[in-house]
Amino acid sequence: MIRISWCDKEKKRVYNGDWKNKTNKTKNELKNWINHQNMIRHKEYYWLEIKEDNNVKNYIENKDVEDKIERDYVEVLSSFRV
């Protein structure tokens, strides 16, 4: 399963989309949408999460430095979920 999650950097809130079946087509469509949103919506940050064996984790494919900084921000923010 795969879903989009995002945080609002100003409100410091994390949101989650609905789970979808993970296929290469779904993954690629969601990645393209996320990349576009991250370019035009600077007050929010979007990423993919996957669920395997009832464990939810960030889907990471690209490990460049700027992405790591954003992921670290999201991971810290996500740890404060209520």
Protein backbone atom coordinates (compact mmCIF):
# COMPACT_ATOMS: atom_id res chain seq x y z
CA MET A 1 0.00 0.00 0.00
CA ILE A 2 1.13 3.55 -0.69
CA ARG A 3 -0.15 7.03 0.17
CA ILE A 4 0.75 10.69 0.01
CA SER A 5 1.53 12.49 3.25
CA TRP A 6 2.34 16.14 3.67
CA CYS A 7 3.08 18.75 6.26
CA ASP A 8 2.07 22.36 6.44
CA LYS A 9 5.27 24.12 7.49
CA GLU A 10 3.45 27.17 8.87
CA LYS A 11 0.80 25.29 10.85
CA LYS A 12 3.27 22.53 11.80
CA ARG A 13 0.68 19.86 11.01
CA VAL A 14 1.03 16.54 9.23
CA TYR A 15 -1.71 15.13 6.98
CA ASN A 16 -2.20 11.77 5.26
CA GLY A 17 -4.01 10.76 2.11
CA ASP A 18 -5.88 7.51 1.54
CA TRP A 19 -4.01 4.24 1.07
CA LYS A 20 -3.81 2.92 -2.51
CA ASN A 21 -2.51 -0.35 -3.92
CA LYS A 22 1.18 -0.01 -4.68
CA THR A 23 1.89 -0.56 -8.36
CA ASN A 24 4.65 0.92 -10.49
CA LYS A 25 2.06 3.05 -12.29
CA THR A 26 0.52 4.34 -9.05
CA LYS A 27 3.95 5.00 -7.53
CA ASN A 28 5.15 6.90 -10.60
CA GLU A 29 1.96 8.97 -10.86
CA LEU A 30 2.11 9.90 -7.18
CA LYS A 31 5.84 10.71 -7.35
CA ASN A 32 5.27 13.01 -10.34
CA TRP A 33 2.39 14.76 -8.56
CA ILE A 34 4.47 15.14 -5.37
CA ASN A 35 7.48 16.51 -7.22
CA HIS A 36 5.28 19.10 -8.92
CA GLN A 37 3.57 20.12 -5.67
CA ASN A 38 6.92 20.46 -3.87
CA MET A 39 8.07 22.84 -6.62
CA ILE A 40 5.02 25.13 -6.48
CA ARG A 41 3.86 24.92 -2.83
CA HIS A 42 6.71 26.18 -0.68
CA LYS A 43 4.73 26.27 2.56
CA GLU A 44 4.03 22.55 2.36
CA TYR A 45 6.13 19.43 1.82
CA TYR A 46 4.80 16.22 0.25
CA TRP A 47 6.22 12.70 0.34
CA LEU A 48 5.20 9.07 -0.16
CA GLU A 49 4.67 6.57 2.61
CA ILE A 50 4.45 2.83 2.19
CA LYS A 51 2.87 0.22 4.42
CA GLU A 52 4.49 -3.19 4.55
CA ASP A 53 3.60 -5.77 7.20
CA ASN A 54 1.56 -3.07 9.02
CA ASN A 55 4.67 -0.87 9.32
CA VAL A 56 4.45 2.61 7.82
CA LYS A 57 7.64 4.24 6.57
CA ASN A 58 8.71 6.99 4.21
CA TYR A 59 9.33 5.86 0.67
CA ILE A 60 12.86 7.03 -0.15
CA GLU A 61 14.36 6.76 -3.58
CA ASN A 62 16.48 9.91 -3.91
CA LYS A 63 19.10 10.62 -1.25
CA ASP A 64 20.56 13.99 -2.17
CA VAL A 65 21.38 16.47 0.58
CA GLU A 66 18.48 18.87 0.09
CA ASP A 67 15.97 16.01 0.19
CA LYS A 68 17.55 14.70 3.38
CA ILE A 69 17.12 18.07 5.07
CA GLU A 70 13.42 18.13 4.14
CA ARG A 71 12.94 14.50 5.25
CA ASP A 72 14.63 15.23 8.58
CA TYR A 73 12.26 18.17 9.06
CA VAL A 74 9.28 15.97 8.26
CA GLU A 75 10.47 13.14 10.51
CA VAL A 76 10.94 15.49 13.44
CA LEU A 77 7.56 17.08 12.82
CA SER A 78 5.92 13.66 12.41
CA SER A 79 7.21 12.55 15.80
CA PHE A 80 4.92 15.18 17.38
CA ARG A 81 1.70 13.72 15.94
CA VAL A 82 -1.13 13.59 18.42
